[in-house]
Amino acid sequence: MEKNKLSFFKKIRMSIFDFDGYQDLAAEKISRTVGYIILLMLIFSIVISFVLTYQFFQLIDQTKNYINNEIAEINYENYEITVIPTNGEEVTEIDVNGLLNAKIIINTQTTDEEKIQESIEEIKKQNNGILFLKDRIIIKNEVFTDLIEYSYQSISEEYNINKIDKQEIINMLSGQNLYIFLVTFFVAMLIYMFIIYVSSMLIDIFLLAILAYIVARIAGLRLKYSAIYNIATYSLTLSILLNIIYFVINRFTGFTIEYFRIMYIAIASIYIIASILMIKSDVIKKQYELNKIIEEQERVKQELKRQEEEKREKEEQEQREREREKERQKEKQKKKREEEKNKEGKMGKEPEGDNA
């Protein structure tokens, strides 16, 4: 039976530090377990989105400073952009590996297809990158295999941008516009990350539920599917928290763990195996206690039966004593009546003797 409702933070503590508590967690309703993992993933997505937004803010600030100091002129008109660096170079490469592990290439002063193709090939080599050409922008993202390309004409028509210069760009990256842009970026990243990580989490839970089912059958336990799902879900708690910590450290320091994904699943698997074995141990313990209770009940039953028999024998003995007493009383009364009768007989004969 389901016990008292557990709070969110108590569930976190139990799922990390209390293997015995998994029996209570397994008994939770599916709806409450789903609510738990959604809330945990929401916290995870908020932390990640906050970190990415902070780094995006740093990138904007760096970009603004770069435009101020390194760019002599920016001019966008008739769906074409021209960026002229202060050093006069035709192609400019900017490394932002410290923030986004990416490279930005500016090649807006040439229409030579060979040079344009060289810049495109350079972007392809990067994990993440942005290429600004005269008439379009090309984005490389490590998540996608193909390049993403947008023409300035499509961007202009969508956002109603006809003409822009260096000062307008700096103004866009400053003041109230910047805060609105950052809030919009944070909300967009939060929704995107939440959807991506919840989808990934559902796959992890499914795979871990299969493992939990196999371990339970090997251990000789026939658990409900809801209990198996709950165990698989709560086993991911520590892995998710470690993933948050690892993400923050990785984004700010670049520190990486090569097999973190394997460790992520391994930790959850260990929790599943340990919790099911603890449940099995608890079941054996309860079965032993139940057998002891049954034995004690049988002993008490036999004792009560013995006492009942003694009581019945005693009552029968008392009944026999009462009957014998009644018989004795009858005998006494009979003798008494006979004595009285004899006495009356003697008294009746004495006058006749006197007359004679």
Protein backbone atom coordinates (compact mmCIF):
# COMPACT_ATOMS: atom_id res chain seq x y z
CA MET A 1 0.00 0.00 0.00
CA GLU A 2 1.16 3.53 -0.76
CA LYS A 3 2.44 5.32 2.29
CA ASN A 4 2.23 9.02 3.06
CA LYS A 5 3.12 11.28 0.15
CA LEU A 6 6.82 12.07 -0.06
CA SER A 7 8.08 15.57 -0.82
CA PHE A 8 10.25 16.28 -3.85
CA PHE A 9 13.44 16.86 -1.86
CA LYS A 10 12.81 13.84 0.37
CA LYS A 11 12.56 11.73 -2.77
CA ILE A 12 15.91 13.08 -3.95
CA ARG A 13 17.50 12.20 -0.61
CA MET A 14 15.95 8.74 -0.53
CA SER A 15 16.82 7.92 -4.14
CA ILE A 16 20.50 8.81 -3.55
CA PHE A 17 21.24 7.77 0.04
CA ASP A 18 18.57 5.26 1.05
CA PHE A 19 18.41 1.98 -0.86
CA ASP A 20 15.86 0.71 1.66
CA GLY A 21 13.65 3.63 0.70
CA TYR A 22 13.28 2.32 -2.86
CA GLN A 23 10.55 0.02 -1.61
CA ASP A 24 8.50 3.11 -0.73
CA LEU A 25 9.48 4.83 -3.98
CA ALA A 26 8.47 1.76 -5.97
CA ALA A 27 5.02 1.95 -4.38
CA GLU A 28 4.50 5.53 -5.57
CA LYS A 29 1.77 6.25 -8.11
CA ILE A 30 3.01 6.54 -11.70
CA SER A 31 1.62 10.07 -11.94
CA ARG A 32 3.72 11.22 -8.98
CA THR A 33 6.85 9.60 -10.40
CA VAL A 34 6.26 11.30 -13.76
CA GLY A 35 5.79 14.61 -11.96
CA TYR A 36 9.05 14.03 -10.07
CA ILE A 37 11.17 13.38 -13.17
CA ILE A 38 9.56 16.29 -15.06
CA LEU A 39 10.33 18.68 -12.18
CA LEU A 40 13.89 17.34 -11.96
CA MET A 41 14.40 17.79 -15.71
CA LEU A 42 12.92 21.29 -15.51
CA ILE A 43 15.52 22.22 -12.86
CA PHE A 44 18.19 20.62 -15.06
CA SER A 45 17.02 22.61 -18.11
CA ILE A 46 16.87 25.87 -16.13
CA VAL A 47 20.48 25.46 -14.93
CA ILE A 48 21.73 24.62 -18.42
CA SER A 49 19.77 27.46 -20.03
CA PHE A 50 21.07 29.91 -17.43
CA VAL A 51 24.67 28.85 -18.10
CA LEU A 52 24.21 29.07 -21.88
CA THR A 53 22.51 32.45 -21.55
CA TYR A 54 25.35 33.74 -19.39
CA GLN A 55 27.91 32.55 -21.94
CA PHE A 56 25.81 34.04 -24.73
CA PHE A 57 25.86 37.34 -22.86
CA GLN A 58 29.65 37.10 -22.65
CA LEU A 59 29.79 36.35 -26.37
CA ILE A 60 27.61 39.38 -27.15
CA ASP A 61 29.79 41.56 -24.95
CA GLN A 62 32.91 40.18 -26.63
CA THR A 63 31.33 40.70 -30.04
CA LYS A 64 30.41 44.29 -29.20
CA ASN A 65 33.97 45.02 -28.05
CA TYR A 66 35.37 43.34 -31.14
CA ILE A 67 33.15 45.41 -33.43
CA ASN A 68 34.17 48.59 -31.59
CA ASN A 69 37.88 47.87 -31.72
CA GLU A 70 38.50 45.61 -34.72
CA ILE A 71 35.82 46.50 -37.26
CA ALA A 72 36.14 49.75 -39.19
CA GLU A 73 32.86 49.59 -41.07
CA ILE A 74 29.70 47.50 -41.30
CA ASN A 75 27.16 48.24 -43.99
CA TYR A 76 24.02 46.23 -44.84
CA GLU A 77 21.88 47.29 -47.76
CA ASN A 78 20.02 45.62 -50.65
CA TYR A 79 20.30 42.20 -48.98
CA GLU A 80 24.11 42.36 -48.91
CA ILE A 81 26.50 43.02 -46.04
CA THR A 82 30.01 44.41 -46.10
CA VAL A 83 32.32 44.10 -43.08
CA ILE A 84 35.68 45.87 -43.27
CA PRO A 85 38.17 45.05 -40.46
CA THR A 86 40.56 47.73 -39.20
CA ASN A 87 43.53 45.60 -40.34
CA GLY A 88 42.21 45.65 -43.90
CA GLU A 89 42.24 41.87 -44.32
CA GLU A 90 39.79 40.37 -46.77
CA VAL A 91 39.01 37.30 -44.62
CA THR A 92 38.85 37.50 -40.82
CA GLU A 93 38.75 34.51 -38.48
CA ILE A 94 37.67 34.87 -34.84
CA ASP A 95 38.11 32.01 -32.36
CA VAL A 96 35.59 31.88 -29.52
CA ASN A 97 36.59 28.46 -28.20
CA GLY A 98 36.70 29.79 -24.65
CA LEU A 99 32.96 30.45 -24.74
CA LEU A 100 31.25 28.37 -27.39
CA ASN A 101 33.93 26.07 -28.81
CA ALA A 102 33.37 27.73 -32.18
CA LYS A 103 35.00 29.80 -34.92
CA ILE A 104 33.57 32.85 -36.68
CA ILE A 105 34.75 33.64 -40.22
CA ILE A 106 33.96 36.95 -41.92
CA ASN A 107 34.34 36.93 -45.71
CA THR A 108 32.08 39.67 -47.07
CA GLN A 109 34.43 41.58 -49.39
CA THR A 110 34.86 39.02 -52.13
CA THR A 111 32.69 37.40 -54.76
CA ASP A 112 35.40 34.99 -55.82
CA GLU A 113 33.75 31.56 -55.61
CA GLU A 114 37.06 29.84 -54.98
CA LYS A 115 37.78 31.95 -51.87
CA ILE A 116 34.17 31.57 -50.72
CA GLN A 117 34.47 27.80 -51.07
CA GLU A 118 37.69 27.83 -49.03
CA SER A 119 35.86 29.61 -46.20
CA ILE A 120 32.99 27.10 -46.38
CA GLU A 121 35.43 24.17 -46.18
CA GLU A 122 37.08 25.80 -43.16
CA ILE A 123 33.73 26.07 -41.37
CA LYS A 124 32.97 22.42 -42.14
CA LYS A 125 36.09 21.41 -40.20
CA GLN A 126 34.82 23.08 -37.02
CA ASN A 127 32.52 21.57 -34.40
CA ASN A 128 30.63 24.86 -34.30
CA GLY A 129 31.07 27.87 -36.50
CA ILE A 130 29.49 30.85 -38.28
CA LEU A 131 30.48 32.09 -41.73
CA PHE A 132 29.39 35.58 -42.82
CA LEU A 133 29.37 35.94 -46.60
CA LYS A 134 28.26 38.89 -48.64
CA ASP A 135 24.76 37.57 -49.36
CA ARG A 136 24.19 34.82 -46.81
CA ILE A 137 25.17 33.34 -43.46
CA ILE A 138 26.24 29.71 -42.97
CA ILE A 139 26.09 27.97 -39.57
CA LYS A 140 27.83 24.75 -38.54
CA ASN A 141 26.51 22.98 -35.44
CA GLU A 142 27.93 19.77 -33.98
CA VAL A 143 24.39 18.47 -33.47
CA PHE A 144 23.68 18.46 -37.23
CA THR A 145 25.71 16.85 -40.00
CA ASP A 146 24.80 19.39 -42.69
CA LEU A 147 25.48 23.11 -42.79
CA ILE A 148 22.59 25.47 -42.08
CA GLU A 149 22.31 28.35 -44.56
CA TYR A 150 20.19 31.52 -44.44
CA SER A 151 20.08 34.26 -47.05
CA TYR A 152 20.08 37.85 -45.83
CA GLN A 153 17.05 38.47 -48.02
CA SER A 154 14.95 35.90 -46.11
CA ILE A 155 16.13 37.34 -42.78
CA SER A 156 15.36 40.90 -43.91
CA GLU A 157 11.87 40.00 -45.08
CA GLU A 158 11.09 38.12 -41.88
CA TYR A 159 12.36 40.79 -39.46
CA ASN A 160 11.82 43.84 -41.70
CA ILE A 161 15.46 44.87 -41.76
CA ASN A 162 16.39 47.01 -44.78
CA LYS A 163 19.50 48.87 -43.79
CA ILE A 164 21.93 48.70 -40.88
CA ASP A 165 25.37 50.02 -39.97
CA LYS A 166 28.04 49.53 -37.29
CA GLN A 167 26.51 51.90 -34.75
CA GLU A 168 23.05 50.36 -35.07
CA ILE A 169 24.50 46.92 -34.40
CA ILE A 170 26.27 48.21 -31.29
CA ASN A 171 23.02 49.80 -30.13
CA MET A 172 21.19 46.50 -30.69
CA LEU A 173 23.77 44.74 -28.50
CA SER A 174 23.40 47.26 -25.67
CA GLY A 175 20.84 48.53 -23.16
CA GLN A 176 17.24 47.35 -22.98
CA ASN A 177 17.41 45.59 -26.34
CA LEU A 178 20.14 43.34 -24.98
CA TYR A 179 18.08 42.31 -21.91
CA ILE A 180 15.01 41.56 -24.04
CA PHE A 181 17.18 39.52 -26.37
CA LEU A 182 18.76 37.60 -23.47
CA VAL A 183 15.35 36.82 -21.91
CA THR A 184 14.10 35.61 -25.28
CA PHE A 185 17.21 33.49 -25.71
CA PHE A 186 16.82 32.01 -22.20
CA VAL A 187 13.17 31.08 -22.74
CA ALA A 188 13.92 29.57 -26.16
CA MET A 189 16.83 27.54 -24.78
CA LEU A 190 14.76 26.42 -21.76
CA ILE A 191 11.97 25.07 -23.98
CA TYR A 192 14.43 23.48 -26.40
CA MET A 193 16.58 21.87 -23.69
CA PHE A 194 13.56 20.65 -21.75
CA ILE A 195 12.09 18.91 -24.80
CA ILE A 196 15.44 17.40 -25.82
CA TYR A 197 16.39 16.14 -22.36
CA VAL A 198 12.93 14.81 -21.48
CA SER A 199 12.91 12.86 -24.75
CA SER A 200 16.37 11.48 -24.00
CA MET A 201 15.32 10.69 -20.42
CA LEU A 202 12.34 8.64 -21.59
CA ILE A 203 14.69 6.45 -23.64
CA ASP A 204 17.05 6.03 -20.66
CA ILE A 205 14.15 5.09 -18.36
CA PHE A 206 12.87 2.53 -20.89
CA LEU A 207 16.29 0.85 -21.15
CA LEU A 208 16.80 0.90 -17.37
CA ALA A 209 13.30 -0.51 -16.84
CA ILE A 210 14.29 -3.51 -18.98
CA LEU A 211 17.38 -3.96 -16.81
CA ALA A 212 15.25 -3.66 -13.64
CA TYR A 213 12.83 -6.29 -14.94
CA ILE A 214 15.66 -8.74 -15.72
CA VAL A 215 17.33 -8.20 -12.33
CA ALA A 216 14.01 -8.63 -10.52
CA ARG A 217 13.27 -11.91 -12.29
CA ILE A 218 16.78 -13.21 -11.56
CA ALA A 219 16.28 -12.24 -7.90
CA GLY A 220 12.99 -14.13 -7.86
CA LEU A 221 10.82 -11.04 -7.47
CA ARG A 222 7.63 -10.50 -9.43
CA LEU A 223 7.35 -6.71 -9.35
CA LYS A 224 4.54 -4.72 -10.92
CA TYR A 225 5.44 -2.83 -14.08
CA SER A 226 4.67 0.42 -12.27
CA ALA A 227 7.19 -0.50 -9.55
CA ILE A 228 9.82 -1.34 -12.19
CA TYR A 229 9.21 2.01 -13.91
CA ASN A 230 9.50 3.86 -10.59
CA ILE A 231 12.77 2.14 -9.67
CA ALA A 232 14.24 2.90 -13.12
CA THR A 233 13.18 6.55 -12.84
CA TYR A 234 14.48 7.23 -9.33
CA SER A 235 17.75 5.42 -10.08
CA LEU A 236 18.62 8.27 -12.47
CA THR A 237 18.52 10.97 -9.77
CA LEU A 238 22.23 10.95 -8.91
CA SER A 239 23.23 10.65 -12.57
CA ILE A 240 21.13 13.71 -13.47
CA LEU A 241 22.57 15.80 -10.62
CA LEU A 242 26.11 14.76 -11.60
CA ASN A 243 25.28 15.65 -15.19
CA ILE A 244 24.28 19.17 -14.10
CA ILE A 245 27.55 19.61 -12.19
CA TYR A 246 29.59 18.18 -15.07
CA PHE A 247 27.87 20.46 -17.61
CA VAL A 248 28.58 23.60 -15.56
CA ILE A 249 32.24 22.63 -15.00
CA ASN A 250 32.67 21.69 -18.66
CA ARG A 251 31.24 24.96 -19.95
CA PHE A 252 33.34 27.14 -17.68
CA THR A 253 36.62 25.19 -17.58
CA GLY A 254 36.56 22.93 -20.62
CA PHE A 255 37.17 19.88 -18.39
CA THR A 256 35.83 16.73 -20.06
CA ILE A 257 35.25 13.14 -19.01
CA GLU A 258 35.62 10.88 -22.02
CA TYR A 259 33.27 8.14 -20.88
CA PHE A 260 30.83 10.25 -18.87
CA ARG A 261 27.82 8.83 -20.72
CA ILE A 262 28.87 5.28 -19.78
CA MET A 263 29.39 6.37 -16.17
CA TYR A 264 25.96 8.07 -16.27
CA ILE A 265 24.21 4.80 -17.16
CA ALA A 266 26.48 2.68 -14.95
CA ILE A 267 25.56 4.66 -11.81
CA ALA A 268 21.85 4.26 -12.51
CA SER A 269 22.35 0.53 -13.17
CA ILE A 270 24.15 0.10 -9.84
CA TYR A 271 21.25 1.81 -8.05
CA ILE A 272 18.76 -0.49 -9.77
CA ILE A 273 20.65 -3.67 -8.85
CA ALA A 274 21.29 -2.56 -5.27
CA SER A 275 17.70 -1.39 -4.68
CA ILE A 276 16.17 -4.61 -6.05
CA LEU A 277 18.51 -6.73 -3.93
CA MET A 278 17.55 -4.66 -0.88
CA ILE A 279 13.86 -5.19 -1.70
CA LYS A 280 14.55 -8.92 -2.06
CA SER A 281 16.34 -8.95 1.30
CA ASP A 282 13.46 -7.07 2.90
CA VAL A 283 10.96 -9.53 1.41
CA ILE A 284 12.95 -12.47 2.82
CA LYS A 285 13.13 -10.76 6.21
CA LYS A 286 9.40 -10.08 6.22
CA GLN A 287 8.71 -13.66 5.14
CA TYR A 288 10.84 -14.93 8.02
CA GLU A 289 9.01 -12.63 10.42
CA LEU A 290 5.69 -13.78 8.97
CA ASN A 291 6.68 -17.43 9.50
CA LYS A 292 7.62 -16.63 13.10
CA ILE A 293 4.27 -14.94 13.59
CA ILE A 294 2.48 -17.94 12.09
CA GLU A 295 4.42 -20.29 14.36
CA GLU A 296 3.61 -18.14 17.37
CA GLN A 297 -0.03 -18.00 16.35
CA GLU A 298 -0.06 -21.80 16.06
CA ARG A 299 1.57 -22.13 19.47
CA VAL A 300 -0.96 -19.73 20.97
CA LYS A 301 -3.75 -21.61 19.23
CA GLN A 302 -2.54 -24.91 20.67
CA GLU A 303 -2.22 -23.34 24.11
CA LEU A 304 -5.71 -21.92 23.89
CA LYS A 305 -6.98 -25.29 22.76
CA ARG A 306 -5.23 -26.98 25.67
CA GLN A 307 -6.64 -24.42 28.10
CA GLU A 308 -10.07 -24.87 26.56
CA GLU A 309 -9.85 -28.62 27.00
CA GLU A 310 -8.69 -28.23 30.61
CA LYS A 311 -11.51 -25.81 31.23
CA ARG A 312 -14.00 -28.20 29.66
CA GLU A 313 -12.63 -31.11 31.70
CA LYS A 314 -12.79 -29.00 34.82
CA GLU A 315 -16.35 -27.99 34.06
CA GLU A 316 -17.25 -31.62 33.42
CA GLN A 317 -15.58 -32.59 36.68
CA GLU A 318 -17.46 -29.88 38.50
CA GLN A 319 -20.66 -31.00 36.82
CA ARG A 320 -20.06 -34.57 37.95
CA GLU A 321 -19.32 -33.29 41.47
CA ARG A 322 -22.55 -31.33 41.48
CA GLU A 323 -24.47 -34.36 40.28
CA ARG A 324 -22.86 -36.54 42.96
CA GLU A 325 -23.65 -33.86 45.51
CA LYS A 326 -27.22 -33.85 44.34
CA GLU A 327 -27.30 -37.63 44.65
CA ARG A 328 -25.92 -37.38 48.17
CA GLN A 329 -28.47 -34.73 49.03
CA LYS A 330 -31.20 -36.96 47.68
CA GLU A 331 -29.88 -39.88 49.69
CA LYS A 332 -29.78 -37.73 52.81
CA GLN A 333 -33.28 -36.47 52.22
CA LYS A 334 -34.47 -40.03 51.58
CA LYS A 335 -32.85 -41.29 54.77
CA LYS A 336 -34.27 -38.36 56.66
CA ARG A 337 -37.77 -39.09 55.40
CA GLU A 338 -37.36 -42.75 56.28
CA GLU A 339 -36.13 -41.82 59.78
CA GLU A 340 -39.03 -39.46 60.23
CA LYS A 341 -41.42 -42.13 59.01
CA ASN A 342 -39.94 -44.72 61.36
CA LYS A 343 -40.12 -42.27 64.23
CA GLU A 344 -43.75 -41.54 63.55
CA GLY A 345 -44.43 -45.26 63.43
CA LYS A 346 -42.89 -45.81 66.84
CA MET A 347 -44.77 -42.93 68.37
CA GLY A 348 -48.05 -44.36 67.01
CA LYS A 349 -47.49 -47.77 68.74
CA GLU A 350 -46.66 -46.52 72.27
CA PRO A 351 -50.29 -45.63 73.40
CA GLU A 352 -51.59 -49.12 72.64
CA GLY A 353 -49.04 -50.56 75.04
CA ASP A 354 -50.23 -48.30 77.84
CA ASN A 355 -53.91 -49.27 77.40
CA ALA A 356 -53.04 -52.87 77.64
